[in-house]
Amino acid sequence: MTNFVFVYYNDASMEAPTEEGKAAWGAWFGKLGDKLVDAGNPFNTGGKAVEKSGVTTIENYPATGYTIVKAASIDEATDLVKGCPLLDVPGGAVRVYETLPM
């Protein structure tokens, strides 16, 4: 099994989570079962991009959070995203990345 990172994106404004929203995320995390390594956290607004040329504010489609799961393949990890509550949010998307051992 390999770890995969789900990076969440959402073009809606950051609003305080509702109880219904928290319950939906909790139910989805429960369905992940032992595949869930780290439920992660949402990100605050105002991220920065650091490049050799300098530091800029991330304004277009910033990442909004992350989760780490374990799966046998990127296809399995991608299948785990199905049912993620973020997919029901306008502009919601999840990017899946495999981690590599160092």
Protein backbone atom coordinates (compact mmCIF):
# COMPACT_ATOMS: atom_id res chain seq x y z
CA MET A 1 0.00 0.00 0.00
CA THR A 2 1.12 3.50 -0.84
CA ASN A 3 0.07 6.84 0.61
CA PHE A 4 -1.84 9.28 -1.57
CA VAL A 5 -2.66 12.89 -0.84
CA PHE A 6 -6.04 14.35 -1.73
CA VAL A 7 -5.71 18.09 -2.29
CA TYR A 8 -9.03 19.91 -2.18
CA TYR A 9 -9.99 22.90 -4.33
CA ASN A 10 -13.11 24.99 -4.08
CA ASP A 11 -13.90 28.26 -5.78
CA ALA A 12 -16.66 29.13 -3.29
CA SER A 13 -15.86 31.59 -0.54
CA MET A 14 -14.69 30.14 2.75
CA GLU A 15 -17.68 29.99 5.03
CA ALA A 16 -17.95 28.54 8.50
CA PRO A 17 -18.78 24.83 8.20
CA THR A 18 -22.36 23.91 9.00
CA GLU A 19 -23.30 20.98 11.21
CA GLU A 20 -24.71 19.30 8.09
CA GLY A 21 -21.41 19.82 6.28
CA LYS A 22 -19.39 18.47 9.20
CA ALA A 23 -21.66 15.41 9.34
CA ALA A 24 -21.21 14.78 5.60
CA TRP A 25 -17.42 14.90 5.92
CA GLY A 26 -17.53 12.65 8.99
CA ALA A 27 -19.69 10.11 7.15
CA TRP A 28 -17.35 10.11 4.14
CA PHE A 29 -14.26 9.73 6.33
CA GLY A 30 -16.04 6.82 8.04
CA LYS A 31 -16.53 5.11 4.67
CA LEU A 32 -12.78 5.37 4.01
CA GLY A 33 -12.23 3.11 7.03
CA ASP A 34 -8.67 1.86 7.50
CA LYS A 35 -7.61 3.53 4.23
CA LEU A 36 -7.69 6.89 6.05
CA VAL A 37 -4.17 7.78 7.26
CA ASP A 38 -4.74 11.46 8.14
CA ALA A 39 -8.08 13.25 7.75
CA GLY A 40 -6.06 16.44 7.32
CA ASN A 41 -7.33 19.96 7.80
CA PRO A 42 -8.84 22.75 5.77
CA PHE A 43 -6.51 25.56 4.76
CA ASN A 44 -7.08 29.19 5.67
CA THR A 45 -7.38 31.72 2.87
CA GLY A 46 -4.43 33.84 1.85
CA GLY A 47 -1.85 31.29 0.75
CA LYS A 48 1.50 32.39 -0.68
CA ALA A 49 3.48 31.06 -3.62
CA VAL A 50 7.26 31.19 -3.20
CA GLU A 51 9.33 31.19 -6.37
CA LYS A 52 12.88 32.20 -7.16
CA SER A 53 11.52 35.49 -8.51
CA GLY A 54 9.70 36.28 -5.26
CA VAL A 55 6.59 35.70 -3.19
CA THR A 56 3.05 36.22 -4.46
CA THR A 57 -0.42 35.74 -3.04
CA ILE A 58 -2.30 32.74 -4.41
CA GLU A 59 -5.47 34.20 -5.90
CA ASN A 60 -6.69 31.83 -8.59
CA TYR A 61 -8.22 28.55 -7.46
CA PRO A 62 -6.20 28.01 -4.27
CA ALA A 63 -6.01 24.67 -2.48
CA THR A 64 -8.47 24.51 0.42
CA GLY A 65 -7.33 21.42 2.37
CA TYR A 66 -5.87 17.93 2.27
CA THR A 67 -6.34 14.31 3.35
CA ILE A 68 -3.91 11.37 3.26
CA VAL A 69 -5.11 7.85 2.43
CA LYS A 70 -3.46 4.53 1.65
CA ALA A 71 -4.33 2.55 -1.46
CA ALA A 72 -2.84 -0.08 -3.75
CA SER A 73 -2.85 2.22 -6.81
CA ILE A 74 -3.72 5.73 -7.95
CA ASP A 75 -6.85 4.27 -9.55
CA GLU A 76 -7.97 2.87 -6.20
CA ALA A 77 -7.16 6.19 -4.51
CA THR A 78 -9.15 8.04 -7.15
CA ASP A 79 -12.11 5.72 -6.57
CA LEU A 80 -11.96 6.60 -2.85
CA VAL A 81 -12.65 10.24 -3.74
CA LYS A 82 -16.10 9.34 -5.08
CA GLY A 83 -18.65 10.49 -2.52
CA CYS A 84 -16.43 13.28 -1.18
CA PRO A 85 -18.75 16.09 0.00
CA LEU A 86 -16.59 18.69 -1.77
CA LEU A 87 -17.71 17.33 -5.13
CA ASP A 88 -21.20 18.70 -4.36
CA VAL A 89 -19.86 22.24 -3.85
CA PRO A 90 -19.73 24.67 -6.80
CA GLY A 91 -16.23 24.46 -8.28
CA GLY A 92 -15.27 21.66 -5.89
CA ALA A 93 -12.49 19.36 -7.09
CA VAL A 94 -10.04 16.88 -5.59
CA ARG A 95 -6.58 16.25 -7.00
CA VAL A 96 -4.91 12.93 -6.14
CA TYR A 97 -1.13 12.62 -5.79
CA GLU A 98 0.95 9.57 -4.92
CA THR A 99 3.65 10.10 -2.32
CA LEU A 100 7.10 8.67 -2.94
CA PRO A 101 9.38 7.25 -0.26
CA MET A 102 12.48 9.27 0.48
